[in-house]
């Protein structure tokens, strides 16, 4: 399909730079047979007893580093976003100012972290080998790194201490993401209690969101796009629980496109869930046959992005174009810190 079919005009003022306070007070557009304006705090009233929410429990690491490259007496400023841990001390990263780097260079990030450039790869990745490793490295990174906010936020304001809390779900526990599963940012302890009281189950999977989620679509046709790969895991316990929900007549609601992509990567042809672990580069566009998710809760996405293609596959392109036009006209807030939508799968 042509990528320009997924384009739309978004006024700059629609981009949220801070989340709603409290988080569950954000607006939520329900997209089913009709469009309905609600709030995230209404979620327990929109679902049924026996339904199950599937959350991504990945935890965002402070992966954004700024430092100085040293080569003899010559120095140059460098910034890096770590995204894949290769060993206890080696990481792959994307670097701003990568043309200034070559194998053997030393980079010093702040007062605690130093590394050597091991390799510059053809795909733009750079391998760094840090002097620290394991838990010692993790502790130094926590003190030296910053939250890697999306470019459409970071380009408008600097990262601050509030982002350490705002850009993390309340249930995050598995370190490894460099971007938040943003649909989950809306959940509060109060909302979790309301969902439990309503008889709605919650289960967890892990998908470490990578920086590729922010990369622009460079191809003109979806067939020519190469999707980024991310590591994920569905436990045997979660797989069995979701099979029980399905057999009992409950619906499966994916909280975020990351949860949906992981479940659709692991589910069997007949809709049976199984334990699964590995890398997924699943690319979902209109025509995709969904087997795992009945409902999707997700934020509002970038024009011509793989995520807008995914929601268009889930509900239909015409439906999502109308939904996004409604959201813009009714002052919904877009992207990572923005409002939410609850999408019912087109059958």
C-alpha atoms as a PDB file:
ATOM      1  CA  UNK A   1       0.000   0.000   0.000  1.00  0.00           C
ATOM      2  CA  UNK A   2       1.102   3.577  -0.597  1.00  0.00           C
ATOM      3  CA  UNK A   3       2.427   5.198   2.558  1.00  0.00           C
ATOM      4  CA  UNK A   4       0.798   8.532   1.730  1.00  0.00           C
ATOM      5  CA  UNK A   5      -2.626   6.907   2.263  1.00  0.00           C
ATOM      6  CA  UNK A   6      -1.827   7.073   5.979  1.00  0.00           C
ATOM      7  CA  UNK A   7      -1.031  10.779   6.058  1.00  0.00           C
ATOM      8  CA  UNK A   8      -3.084  13.437   7.859  1.00  0.00           C
ATOM      9  CA  UNK A   9      -2.595  17.039   8.939  1.00  0.00           C
ATOM     10  CA  UNK A  10      -1.906  17.496  12.634  1.00  0.00           C
ATOM     11  CA  UNK A  11      -1.753  20.995  14.149  1.00  0.00           C
ATOM     12  CA  UNK A  12       1.360  21.503  16.233  1.00  0.00           C
ATOM     13  CA  UNK A  13      -0.687  22.517  19.259  1.00  0.00           C
ATOM     14  CA  UNK A  14      -2.194  18.996  19.427  1.00  0.00           C
ATOM     15  CA  UNK A  15       1.129  17.489  20.553  1.00  0.00           C
ATOM     16  CA  UNK A  16       1.153  16.960  24.323  1.00  0.00           C
ATOM     17  CA  UNK A  17       4.339  17.985  26.136  1.00  0.00           C
ATOM     18  CA  UNK A  18       3.146  16.835  29.579  1.00  0.00           C
ATOM     19  CA  UNK A  19       0.681  14.119  30.624  1.00  0.00           C
ATOM     20  CA  UNK A  20      -2.742  14.756  32.111  1.00  0.00           C
ATOM     21  CA  UNK A  21      -2.889  15.063  35.904  1.00  0.00           C
ATOM     22  CA  UNK A  22      -4.038  12.715  37.278  1.00  0.00           C
ATOM     23  CA  UNK A  23      -3.070  10.285  34.538  1.00  0.00           C
ATOM     24  CA  UNK A  24      -6.475   8.622  34.280  1.00  0.00           C
ATOM     25  CA  UNK A  25      -8.205  11.964  33.707  1.00  0.00           C
ATOM     26  CA  UNK A  26      -7.002  11.896  30.083  1.00  0.00           C
ATOM     27  CA  UNK A  27      -9.676  11.812  27.412  1.00  0.00           C
ATOM     28  CA  UNK A  28     -10.372   8.533  25.639  1.00  0.00           C
ATOM     29  CA  UNK A  29     -12.070   8.226  22.258  1.00  0.00           C
ATOM     30  CA  UNK A  30     -14.058   5.002  21.975  1.00  0.00           C
ATOM     31  CA  UNK A  31     -14.036   3.796  18.359  1.00  0.00           C
ATOM     32  CA  UNK A  32     -16.690   1.182  17.650  1.00  0.00           C
ATOM     33  CA  UNK A  33     -19.918   1.365  15.692  1.00  0.00           C
ATOM     34  CA  UNK A  34     -19.939   5.055  16.639  1.00  0.00           C
ATOM     35  CA  UNK A  35     -17.430   7.490  18.115  1.00  0.00           C
ATOM     36  CA  UNK A  36     -17.857   8.248  21.795  1.00  0.00           C
ATOM     37  CA  UNK A  37     -15.951  10.780  23.909  1.00  0.00           C
ATOM     38  CA  UNK A  38     -15.032   9.343  27.308  1.00  0.00           C
ATOM     39  CA  UNK A  39     -12.176   9.439  29.814  1.00  0.00           C
ATOM     40  CA  UNK A  40      -9.641   6.785  30.753  1.00  0.00           C
ATOM     41  CA  UNK A  41     -11.188   6.696  34.233  1.00  0.00           C
ATOM     42  CA  UNK A  42     -14.352   5.262  32.586  1.00  0.00           C
ATOM     43  CA  UNK A  43     -12.528   2.117  31.435  1.00  0.00           C
ATOM     44  CA  UNK A  44     -13.964  -0.234  34.073  1.00  0.00           C
ATOM     45  CA  UNK A  45     -17.478   0.739  32.961  1.00  0.00           C
ATOM     46  CA  UNK A  46     -16.701   0.087  29.306  1.00  0.00           C
ATOM     47  CA  UNK A  47     -15.440  -3.472  29.804  1.00  0.00           C
ATOM     48  CA  UNK A  48     -17.186  -6.602  31.069  1.00  0.00           C
ATOM     49  CA  UNK A  49     -16.493  -9.008  33.947  1.00  0.00           C
ATOM     50  CA  UNK A  50     -14.249 -11.765  32.613  1.00  0.00           C
ATOM     51  CA  UNK A  51     -12.449  -9.497  30.134  1.00  0.00           C
ATOM     52  CA  UNK A  52      -8.653  -9.355  30.438  1.00  0.00           C
ATOM     53  CA  UNK A  53      -6.258  -6.445  30.007  1.00  0.00           C
ATOM     54  CA  UNK A  54      -2.773  -7.308  28.771  1.00  0.00           C
ATOM     55  CA  UNK A  55      -0.056  -4.884  29.893  1.00  0.00           C
ATOM     56  CA  UNK A  56       3.560  -4.539  28.778  1.00  0.00           C
ATOM     57  CA  UNK A  57       5.660  -4.447  31.970  1.00  0.00           C
ATOM     58  CA  UNK A  58       8.894  -3.272  30.332  1.00  0.00           C
ATOM     59  CA  UNK A  59      10.768  -0.543  32.199  1.00  0.00           C
ATOM     60  CA  UNK A  60      12.392   2.400  30.434  1.00  0.00           C
ATOM     61  CA  UNK A  61      16.088   2.774  31.197  1.00  0.00           C
ATOM     62  CA  UNK A  62      17.802   6.203  31.233  1.00  0.00           C
ATOM     63  CA  UNK A  63      19.437   5.361  27.927  1.00  0.00           C
ATOM     64  CA  UNK A  64      20.199   8.882  26.668  1.00  0.00           C
ATOM     65  CA  UNK A  65      23.853   9.816  27.239  1.00  0.00           C
ATOM     66  CA  UNK A  66      25.855  12.905  26.323  1.00  0.00           C
ATOM     67  CA  UNK A  67      29.635  12.954  26.390  1.00  0.00           C
ATOM     68  CA  UNK A  68      32.937  13.732  24.724  1.00  0.00           C
ATOM     69  CA  UNK A  69      34.847  11.651  22.176  1.00  0.00           C
ATOM     70  CA  UNK A  70      38.573  11.714  22.754  1.00  0.00           C
ATOM     71  CA  UNK A  71      41.086  10.798  20.064  1.00  0.00           C
ATOM     72  CA  UNK A  72      44.542  11.877  21.107  1.00  0.00           C
ATOM     73  CA  UNK A  73      44.282  15.591  21.862  1.00  0.00           C
ATOM     74  CA  UNK A  74      41.176  16.034  19.688  1.00  0.00           C
ATOM     75  CA  UNK A  75      37.704  16.134  21.278  1.00  0.00           C
ATOM     76  CA  UNK A  76      34.155  16.228  19.918  1.00  0.00           C
ATOM     77  CA  UNK A  77      30.698  16.270  21.518  1.00  0.00           C
ATOM     78  CA  UNK A  78      28.682  13.060  21.125  1.00  0.00           C
ATOM     79  CA  UNK A  79      25.236  11.904  22.266  1.00  0.00           C
ATOM     80  CA  UNK A  80      24.159   8.269  22.256  1.00  0.00           C
ATOM     81  CA  UNK A  81      20.961   6.342  22.838  1.00  0.00           C
ATOM     82  CA  UNK A  82      21.638   2.829  24.109  1.00  0.00           C
ATOM     83  CA  UNK A  83      19.088   0.304  22.867  1.00  0.00           C
ATOM     84  CA  UNK A  84      20.376  -3.293  22.919  1.00  0.00           C
ATOM     85  CA  UNK A  85      22.541  -4.956  25.561  1.00  0.00           C
ATOM     86  CA  UNK A  86      24.920  -7.457  23.944  1.00  0.00           C
ATOM     87  CA  UNK A  87      26.966  -8.504  26.992  1.00  0.00           C
ATOM     88  CA  UNK A  88      27.438  -7.355  30.587  1.00  0.00           C
ATOM     89  CA  UNK A  89      29.442  -4.381  29.304  1.00  0.00           C
ATOM     90  CA  UNK A  90      28.698  -4.029  25.572  1.00  0.00           C
ATOM     91  CA  UNK A  91      25.755  -2.153  24.069  1.00  0.00           C
ATOM     92  CA  UNK A  92      24.454  -1.199  20.650  1.00  0.00           C
ATOM     93  CA  UNK A  93      23.473   2.445  20.310  1.00  0.00           C
ATOM     94  CA  UNK A  94      22.430   5.115  17.864  1.00  0.00           C
ATOM     95  CA  UNK A  95      24.702   8.156  18.069  1.00  0.00           C
ATOM     96  CA  UNK A  96      24.222  11.773  17.114  1.00  0.00           C
ATOM     97  CA  UNK A  97      27.521  12.849  15.634  1.00  0.00           C
ATOM     98  CA  UNK A  98      28.345   9.307  14.571  1.00  0.00           C
ATOM     99  CA  UNK A  99      30.467  10.585  11.677  1.00  0.00           C
ATOM    100  CA  UNK A 100      32.925  11.759  14.320  1.00  0.00           C
ATOM    101  CA  UNK A 101      33.377   8.203  15.600  1.00  0.00           C
ATOM    102  CA  UNK A 102      35.559   5.306  14.514  1.00  0.00           C
ATOM    103  CA  UNK A 103      36.600   2.003  16.074  1.00  0.00           C
ATOM    104  CA  UNK A 104      39.077   2.517  18.888  1.00  0.00           C
ATOM    105  CA  UNK A 105      37.790   5.948  19.947  1.00  0.00           C
ATOM    106  CA  UNK A 106      37.226   6.628  23.647  1.00  0.00           C
ATOM    107  CA  UNK A 107      34.026   8.329  24.824  1.00  0.00           C
ATOM    108  CA  UNK A 108      33.521   9.721  28.318  1.00  0.00           C
ATOM    109  CA  UNK A 109      29.921  10.253  29.461  1.00  0.00           C
ATOM    110  CA  UNK A 110      29.858  12.509  32.509  1.00  0.00           C
ATOM    111  CA  UNK A 111      31.964  11.557  35.510  1.00  0.00           C
ATOM    112  CA  UNK A 112      31.127   7.847  35.772  1.00  0.00           C
ATOM    113  CA  UNK A 113      30.792   6.188  32.388  1.00  0.00           C
ATOM    114  CA  UNK A 114      33.537   5.647  29.799  1.00  0.00           C
ATOM    115  CA  UNK A 115      33.679   3.303  26.825  1.00  0.00           C
ATOM    116  CA  UNK A 116      35.487   2.336  23.656  1.00  0.00           C
ATOM    117  CA  UNK A 117      33.935   2.303  20.197  1.00  0.00           C
ATOM    118  CA  UNK A 118      34.180  -1.312  19.031  1.00  0.00           C
ATOM    119  CA  UNK A 119      32.380  -1.221  15.672  1.00  0.00           C
ATOM    120  CA  UNK A 120      30.357   1.009  13.356  1.00  0.00           C
ATOM    121  CA  UNK A 121      27.798  -1.126  11.529  1.00  0.00           C
ATOM    122  CA  UNK A 122      26.292  -0.568   8.112  1.00  0.00           C
ATOM    123  CA  UNK A 123      22.784  -0.290   9.581  1.00  0.00           C
ATOM    124  CA  UNK A 124      23.756   2.773  11.655  1.00  0.00           C
ATOM    125  CA  UNK A 125      24.276   0.909  14.916  1.00  0.00           C
ATOM    126  CA  UNK A 126      27.444   1.492  16.907  1.00  0.00           C
ATOM    127  CA  UNK A 127      28.804  -1.026  19.410  1.00  0.00           C
ATOM    128  CA  UNK A 128      30.240   0.427  22.614  1.00  0.00           C
ATOM    129  CA  UNK A 129      32.236  -1.472  25.246  1.00  0.00           C
ATOM    130  CA  UNK A 130      31.976   0.181  28.674  1.00  0.00           C
ATOM    131  CA  UNK A 131      34.595   0.039  31.395  1.00  0.00           C
ATOM    132  CA  UNK A 132      31.878  -0.963  33.874  1.00  0.00           C
ATOM    133  CA  UNK A 133      29.725  -4.052  33.550  1.00  0.00           C
ATOM    134  CA  UNK A 134      26.667  -5.694  35.058  1.00  0.00           C
ATOM    135  CA  UNK A 135      25.157  -4.124  38.168  1.00  0.00           C
ATOM    136  CA  UNK A 136      28.001  -1.583  38.431  1.00  0.00           C
ATOM    137  CA  UNK A 137      27.163  -0.303  34.946  1.00  0.00           C
ATOM    138  CA  UNK A 138      23.417  -0.212  35.703  1.00  0.00           C
ATOM    139  CA  UNK A 139      23.993   1.911  38.801  1.00  0.00           C
ATOM    140  CA  UNK A 140      26.245   4.329  36.921  1.00  0.00           C
ATOM    141  CA  UNK A 141      23.748   4.587  34.062  1.00  0.00           C
ATOM    142  CA  UNK A 142      20.950   5.406  36.515  1.00  0.00           C
ATOM    143  CA  UNK A 143      22.987   8.373  37.736  1.00  0.00           C
ATOM    144  CA  UNK A 144      24.414   9.516  34.392  1.00  0.00           C
ATOM    145  CA  UNK A 145      21.667   8.831  31.842  1.00  0.00           C
ATOM    146  CA  UNK A 146      18.464  10.654  30.992  1.00  0.00           C
ATOM    147  CA  UNK A 147      15.061   9.452  29.847  1.00  0.00           C
ATOM    148  CA  UNK A 148      15.107   9.181  26.028  1.00  0.00           C
ATOM    149  CA  UNK A 149      12.006  11.256  25.355  1.00  0.00           C
ATOM    150  CA  UNK A 150      10.522  11.048  21.843  1.00  0.00           C
ATOM    151  CA  UNK A 151      11.965  13.641  19.439  1.00  0.00           C
ATOM    152  CA  UNK A 152       8.622  15.438  19.089  1.00  0.00           C
ATOM    153  CA  UNK A 153       8.820  16.217  22.834  1.00  0.00           C
ATOM    154  CA  UNK A 154      12.581  16.526  23.284  1.00  0.00           C
ATOM    155  CA  UNK A 155      12.713  18.971  20.373  1.00  0.00           C
ATOM    156  CA  UNK A 156      10.402  21.351  22.231  1.00  0.00           C
ATOM    157  CA  UNK A 157      11.721  21.161  25.794  1.00  0.00           C
ATOM    158  CA  UNK A 158      14.480  19.564  27.827  1.00  0.00           C
ATOM    159  CA  UNK A 159      14.157  16.409  29.908  1.00  0.00           C
ATOM    160  CA  UNK A 160      13.671  17.051  33.640  1.00  0.00           C
ATOM    161  CA  UNK A 161      13.181  15.136  36.883  1.00  0.00           C
ATOM    162  CA  UNK A 162       9.413  14.950  36.403  1.00  0.00           C
ATOM    163  CA  UNK A 163       9.939  12.838  33.298  1.00  0.00           C
ATOM    164  CA  UNK A 164      11.594  10.164  35.441  1.00  0.00           C
ATOM    165  CA  UNK A 165       8.141   9.501  36.875  1.00  0.00           C
ATOM    166  CA  UNK A 166       5.889  10.589  34.020  1.00  0.00           C
ATOM    167  CA  UNK A 167       7.586   8.455  31.352  1.00  0.00           C
ATOM    168  CA  UNK A 168       7.217   5.186  33.262  1.00  0.00           C
ATOM    169  CA  UNK A 169       4.163   3.024  33.856  1.00  0.00           C
ATOM    170  CA  UNK A 170       3.230   2.293  37.470  1.00  0.00           C
ATOM    171  CA  UNK A 171       3.701  -1.451  36.839  1.00  0.00           C
ATOM    172  CA  UNK A 172       7.070  -1.281  35.015  1.00  0.00           C
ATOM    173  CA  UNK A 173       9.464  -3.948  36.312  1.00  0.00           C
ATOM    174  CA  UNK A 174      11.602  -5.419  33.502  1.00  0.00           C
ATOM    175  CA  UNK A 175      14.492  -3.088  32.562  1.00  0.00           C
ATOM    176  CA  UNK A 176      15.272  -2.793  28.876  1.00  0.00           C
ATOM    177  CA  UNK A 177      13.069  -0.334  26.970  1.00  0.00           C
ATOM    178  CA  UNK A 178      14.266   2.950  25.517  1.00  0.00           C
ATOM    179  CA  UNK A 179      10.705   4.132  24.907  1.00  0.00           C
ATOM    180  CA  UNK A 180       7.669   3.778  27.137  1.00  0.00           C
ATOM    181  CA  UNK A 181       4.648   1.634  26.230  1.00  0.00           C
ATOM    182  CA  UNK A 182       2.679   4.851  26.333  1.00  0.00           C
ATOM    183  CA  UNK A 183      -0.876   3.476  26.470  1.00  0.00           C
ATOM    184  CA  UNK A 184      -0.012   2.220  29.944  1.00  0.00           C
ATOM    185  CA  UNK A 185       1.012   5.663  31.193  1.00  0.00           C
ATOM    186  CA  UNK A 186      -2.665   6.441  31.837  1.00  0.00           C
ATOM    187  CA  UNK A 187      -3.106   3.820  34.550  1.00  0.00           C
ATOM    188  CA  UNK A 188      -3.229   4.794  38.222  1.00  0.00           C
ATOM    189  CA  UNK A 189      -3.656   2.707  41.401  1.00  0.00           C
ATOM    190  CA  UNK A 190      -7.219   4.054  41.596  1.00  0.00           C
ATOM    191  CA  UNK A 191      -8.020   2.803  38.094  1.00  0.00           C
ATOM    192  CA  UNK A 192      -6.415  -0.581  38.768  1.00  0.00           C
ATOM    193  CA  UNK A 193      -8.597  -0.987  41.858  1.00  0.00           C
ATOM    194  CA  UNK A 194     -11.718  -0.083  39.878  1.00  0.00           C
ATOM    195  CA  UNK A 195     -10.882  -2.662  37.202  1.00  0.00           C
ATOM    196  CA  UNK A 196     -10.296  -5.383  39.789  1.00  0.00           C
ATOM    197  CA  UNK A 197     -13.568  -4.554  41.539  1.00  0.00           C
ATOM    198  CA  UNK A 198     -15.349  -4.838  38.172  1.00  0.00           C
ATOM    199  CA  UNK A 199     -14.072  -8.409  37.671  1.00  0.00           C
ATOM    200  CA  UNK A 200     -11.626  -7.517  34.903  1.00  0.00           C
ATOM    201  CA  UNK A 201      -8.407  -9.543  34.845  1.00  0.00           C
ATOM    202  CA  UNK A 202      -4.933  -8.176  34.213  1.00  0.00           C
ATOM    203  CA  UNK A 203      -1.973 -10.054  32.793  1.00  0.00           C
ATOM    204  CA  UNK A 204       1.538  -9.013  31.830  1.00  0.00           C
ATOM    205  CA  UNK A 205       3.898  -9.581  28.919  1.00  0.00           C
ATOM    206  CA  UNK A 206       7.286  -7.983  28.232  1.00  0.00           C
ATOM    207  CA  UNK A 207       8.360  -6.239  25.034  1.00  0.00           C
ATOM    208  CA  UNK A 208      11.404  -3.985  25.261  1.00  0.00           C
ATOM    209  CA  UNK A 209      10.429  -1.043  23.085  1.00  0.00           C
ATOM    210  CA  UNK A 210      13.305   0.095  20.878  1.00  0.00           C
ATOM    211  CA  UNK A 211      14.191   3.446  19.297  1.00  0.00           C
ATOM    212  CA  UNK A 212      12.860   2.223  15.958  1.00  0.00           C
ATOM    213  CA  UNK A 213       9.380   3.145  17.177  1.00  0.00           C
ATOM    214  CA  UNK A 214      10.338   6.806  16.510  1.00  0.00           C
ATOM    215  CA  UNK A 215      12.022   6.287  13.140  1.00  0.00           C
ATOM    216  CA  UNK A 216      10.192   7.859  10.196  1.00  0.00           C
ATOM    217  CA  UNK A 217       8.848   5.746   7.380  1.00  0.00           C
ATOM    218  CA  UNK A 218      11.263   6.333   4.513  1.00  0.00           C
ATOM    219  CA  UNK A 219       9.676   4.021   1.940  1.00  0.00           C
ATOM    220  CA  UNK A 220       6.903   5.143  -0.402  1.00  0.00           C
ATOM    221  CA  UNK A 221       5.249   1.725  -0.288  1.00  0.00           C
ATOM    222  CA  UNK A 222       4.673  -0.424   2.798  1.00  0.00           C
ATOM    223  CA  UNK A 223       6.148  -3.443   0.972  1.00  0.00           C
ATOM    224  CA  UNK A 224       9.534  -1.720   0.955  1.00  0.00           C
ATOM    225  CA  UNK A 225       9.671  -0.914   4.671  1.00  0.00           C
ATOM    226  CA  UNK A 226      11.927  -2.929   6.966  1.00  0.00           C
ATOM    227  CA  UNK A 227      10.437  -3.092  10.467  1.00  0.00           C
ATOM    228  CA  UNK A 228      12.686  -2.728  13.505  1.00  0.00           C
ATOM    229  CA  UNK A 229      13.135  -5.775  15.729  1.00  0.00           C
ATOM    230  CA  UNK A 230      12.356  -5.866  19.459  1.00  0.00           C
ATOM    231  CA  UNK A 231      12.802  -8.553  22.109  1.00  0.00           C
ATOM    232  CA  UNK A 232       9.753  -9.884  23.912  1.00  0.00           C
ATOM    233  CA  UNK A 233       8.448 -12.659  26.137  1.00  0.00           C
ATOM    234  CA  UNK A 234       5.056 -14.225  26.875  1.00  0.00           C
ATOM    235  CA  UNK A 235       5.256 -16.464  29.924  1.00  0.00           C
ATOM    236  CA  UNK A 236       3.599 -19.868  30.117  1.00  0.00           C
ATOM    237  CA  UNK A 237       1.474 -18.565  32.991  1.00  0.00           C
ATOM    238  CA  UNK A 238       0.170 -15.654  30.926  1.00  0.00           C
ATOM    239  CA  UNK A 239      -0.454 -17.834  27.867  1.00  0.00           C
ATOM    240  CA  UNK A 240      -2.535 -20.294  29.906  1.00  0.00           C
ATOM    241  CA  UNK A 241      -4.456 -17.463  31.569  1.00  0.00           C
ATOM    242  CA  UNK A 242      -5.340 -15.869  28.222  1.00  0.00           C
ATOM    243  CA  UNK A 243      -6.473 -19.221  26.822  1.00  0.00           C
ATOM    244  CA  UNK A 244      -8.768 -19.547  29.848  1.00  0.00           C
ATOM    245  CA  UNK A 245     -10.172 -16.053  29.255  1.00  0.00           C
ATOM    246  CA  UNK A 246     -10.890 -16.868  25.624  1.00  0.00           C
ATOM    247  CA  UNK A 247     -12.559 -20.214  26.456  1.00  0.00           C
ATOM    248  CA  UNK A 248     -14.671 -18.513  29.117  1.00  0.00           C
ATOM    249  CA  UNK A 249     -16.036 -15.975  26.659  1.00  0.00           C
ATOM    250  CA  UNK A 250     -13.961 -13.021  27.839  1.00  0.00           C
ATOM    251  CA  UNK A 251     -12.366 -10.494  25.556  1.00  0.00           C
ATOM    252  CA  UNK A 252      -8.662  -9.725  25.361  1.00  0.00           C
ATOM    253  CA  UNK A 253      -7.795  -6.041  25.520  1.00  0.00           C
ATOM    254  CA  UNK A 254      -4.228  -5.131  24.603  1.00  0.00           C
ATOM    255  CA  UNK A 255      -2.964  -2.064  26.426  1.00  0.00           C
ATOM    256  CA  UNK A 256      -0.769  -0.578  23.743  1.00  0.00           C
ATOM    257  CA  UNK A 257       0.463  -1.572  20.325  1.00  0.00           C
ATOM    258  CA  UNK A 258       3.501  -3.248  21.917  1.00  0.00           C
ATOM    259  CA  UNK A 259       1.323  -5.760  23.767  1.00  0.00           C
ATOM    260  CA  UNK A 260      -0.689  -6.359  20.613  1.00  0.00           C
ATOM    261  CA  UNK A 261       2.364  -6.859  18.397  1.00  0.00           C
ATOM    262  CA  UNK A 262       3.849  -9.330  20.867  1.00  0.00           C
ATOM    263  CA  UNK A 263       0.665 -11.381  21.245  1.00  0.00           C
ATOM    264  CA  UNK A 264       0.093 -11.447  17.490  1.00  0.00           C
ATOM    265  CA  UNK A 265       3.691 -12.655  17.090  1.00  0.00           C
ATOM    266  CA  UNK A 266       3.202 -15.547  19.488  1.00  0.00           C
ATOM    267  CA  UNK A 267      -0.395 -16.727  18.993  1.00  0.00           C
ATOM    268  CA  UNK A 268      -1.101 -19.911  17.023  1.00  0.00           C
ATOM    269  CA  UNK A 269      -3.124 -19.984  13.798  1.00  0.00           C
ATOM    270  CA  UNK A 270      -6.176 -21.237  15.710  1.00  0.00           C
ATOM    271  CA  UNK A 271      -5.944 -18.407  18.263  1.00  0.00           C
ATOM    272  CA  UNK A 272      -4.294 -20.473  20.997  1.00  0.00           C
ATOM    273  CA  UNK A 273      -1.689 -18.659  23.078  1.00  0.00           C
ATOM    274  CA  UNK A 274       1.631 -20.268  23.912  1.00  0.00           C
ATOM    275  CA  UNK A 275       4.735 -19.343  25.857  1.00  0.00           C
ATOM    276  CA  UNK A 276       7.096 -17.455  23.582  1.00  0.00           C
ATOM    277  CA  UNK A 277      10.401 -15.581  23.747  1.00  0.00           C
ATOM    278  CA  UNK A 278      12.473 -13.944  21.067  1.00  0.00           C
ATOM    279  CA  UNK A 279      12.748 -11.032  18.651  1.00  0.00           C
ATOM    280  CA  UNK A 280       9.749  -9.824  16.687  1.00  0.00           C
ATOM    281  CA  UNK A 281       9.691  -7.513  13.683  1.00  0.00           C
ATOM    282  CA  UNK A 282       6.014  -8.023  12.862  1.00  0.00           C
ATOM    283  CA  UNK A 283       4.663  -5.256  10.606  1.00  0.00           C
ATOM    284  CA  UNK A 284       0.879  -4.938  10.705  1.00  0.00           C
ATOM    285  CA  UNK A 285      -0.905  -3.182   7.851  1.00  0.00           C
ATOM    286  CA  UNK A 286      -4.483  -3.334   6.500  1.00  0.00           C
ATOM    287  CA  UNK A 287      -5.322  -6.876   5.442  1.00  0.00           C
ATOM    288  CA  UNK A 288      -3.630  -8.434   8.473  1.00  0.00           C
ATOM    289  CA  UNK A 289      -5.637 -11.232  10.130  1.00  0.00           C
ATOM    290  CA  UNK A 290      -5.785 -10.597  13.878  1.00  0.00           C
ATOM    291  CA  UNK A 291      -5.977 -13.673  16.095  1.00  0.00           C
ATOM    292  CA  UNK A 292      -5.033 -12.395  19.556  1.00  0.00           C
ATOM    293  CA  UNK A 293      -6.665  -9.052  20.353  1.00  0.00           C
ATOM    294  CA  UNK A 294     -10.340  -8.144  20.513  1.00  0.00           C
ATOM    295  CA  UNK A 295      -9.895  -4.552  21.720  1.00  0.00           C
ATOM    296  CA  UNK A 296      -6.906  -2.203  21.633  1.00  0.00           C
ATOM    297  CA  UNK A 297      -6.244   0.707  23.972  1.00  0.00           C
ATOM    298  CA  UNK A 298      -3.682   3.045  22.448  1.00  0.00           C
ATOM    299  CA  UNK A 299      -2.640   6.694  22.153  1.00  0.00           C
ATOM    300  CA  UNK A 300      -2.837   8.778  18.979  1.00  0.00           C
ATOM    301  CA  UNK A 301       0.026   8.192  16.564  1.00  0.00           C
ATOM    302  CA  UNK A 302       2.188   9.978  14.011  1.00  0.00           C
ATOM    303  CA  UNK A 303       1.043  10.511  10.414  1.00  0.00           C
ATOM    304  CA  UNK A 304       2.425   7.886   8.001  1.00  0.00           C
ATOM    305  CA  UNK A 305       3.764   5.846  10.947  1.00  0.00           C
ATOM    306  CA  UNK A 306       3.776   2.070  11.292  1.00  0.00           C
ATOM    307  CA  UNK A 307       1.550   2.502  14.356  1.00  0.00           C
ATOM    308  CA  UNK A 308      -1.122   4.442  12.478  1.00  0.00           C
ATOM    309  CA  UNK A 309      -0.997   1.654   9.892  1.00  0.00           C
ATOM    310  CA  UNK A 310      -1.528  -0.873  12.688  1.00  0.00           C
ATOM    311  CA  UNK A 311      -4.638   0.845  14.086  1.00  0.00           C
ATOM    312  CA  UNK A 312      -5.947   1.243  10.527  1.00  0.00           C
ATOM    313  CA  UNK A 313      -5.560  -2.510  10.086  1.00  0.00           C
ATOM    314  CA  UNK A 314      -7.394  -3.076  13.362  1.00  0.00           C
ATOM    315  CA  UNK A 315     -10.410  -0.837  12.685  1.00  0.00           C
ATOM    316  CA  UNK A 316     -10.230   0.037   8.998  1.00  0.00           C
ATOM    317  CA  UNK A 317      -8.439   2.968   7.363  1.00  0.00           C
ATOM    318  CA  UNK A 318     -11.626   4.981   6.735  1.00  0.00           C
ATOM    319  CA  UNK A 319     -12.731   4.501  10.355  1.00  0.00           C
ATOM    320  CA  UNK A 320      -9.382   5.653  11.758  1.00  0.00           C
ATOM    321  CA  UNK A 321      -9.161   8.647   9.436  1.00  0.00           C
ATOM    322  CA  UNK A 322     -12.585   9.739  10.695  1.00  0.00           C
ATOM    323  CA  UNK A 323     -11.605   9.024  14.306  1.00  0.00           C
ATOM    324  CA  UNK A 324      -8.406  11.095  14.047  1.00  0.00           C
ATOM    325  CA  UNK A 325     -10.267  13.960  12.375  1.00  0.00           C
ATOM    326  CA  UNK A 326     -12.761  13.864  15.271  1.00  0.00           C
ATOM    327  CA  UNK A 327      -9.918  13.833  17.792  1.00  0.00           C
ATOM    328  CA  UNK A 328      -8.245  16.867  16.209  1.00  0.00           C
ATOM    329  CA  UNK A 329     -11.527  18.786  16.006  1.00  0.00           C
ATOM    330  CA  UNK A 330     -12.304  17.997  19.673  1.00  0.00           C
ATOM    331  CA  UNK A 331      -8.902  18.991  21.017  1.00  0.00           C
ATOM    332  CA  UNK A 332      -7.546  15.568  21.889  1.00  0.00           C
ATOM    333  CA  UNK A 333      -3.873  15.561  22.802  1.00  0.00           C
ATOM    334  CA  UNK A 334      -1.561  13.402  20.636  1.00  0.00           C
ATOM    335  CA  UNK A 335       1.466  11.132  21.063  1.00  0.00           C
ATOM    336  CA  UNK A 336       3.305   9.768  24.088  1.00  0.00           C
ATOM    337  CA  UNK A 337       1.931  12.145  26.729  1.00  0.00           C
ATOM    338  CA  UNK A 338      -1.392  12.571  24.982  1.00  0.00           C
ATOM    339  CA  UNK A 339      -4.902  11.180  25.306  1.00  0.00           C
ATOM    340  CA  UNK A 340      -6.084   7.636  24.632  1.00  0.00           C
ATOM    341  CA  UNK A 341      -8.413   5.683  22.396  1.00  0.00           C
ATOM    342  CA  UNK A 342     -10.264   2.399  22.857  1.00  0.00           C
ATOM    343  CA  UNK A 343     -10.553   0.565  19.547  1.00  0.00           C
ATOM    344  CA  UNK A 344     -12.929  -2.309  18.818  1.00  0.00           C
ATOM    345  CA  UNK A 345     -11.587  -4.661  16.166  1.00  0.00           C
ATOM    346  CA  UNK A 346     -13.304  -4.589  12.800  1.00  0.00           C
ATOM    347  CA  UNK A 347     -14.707  -8.047  12.027  1.00  0.00           C
END
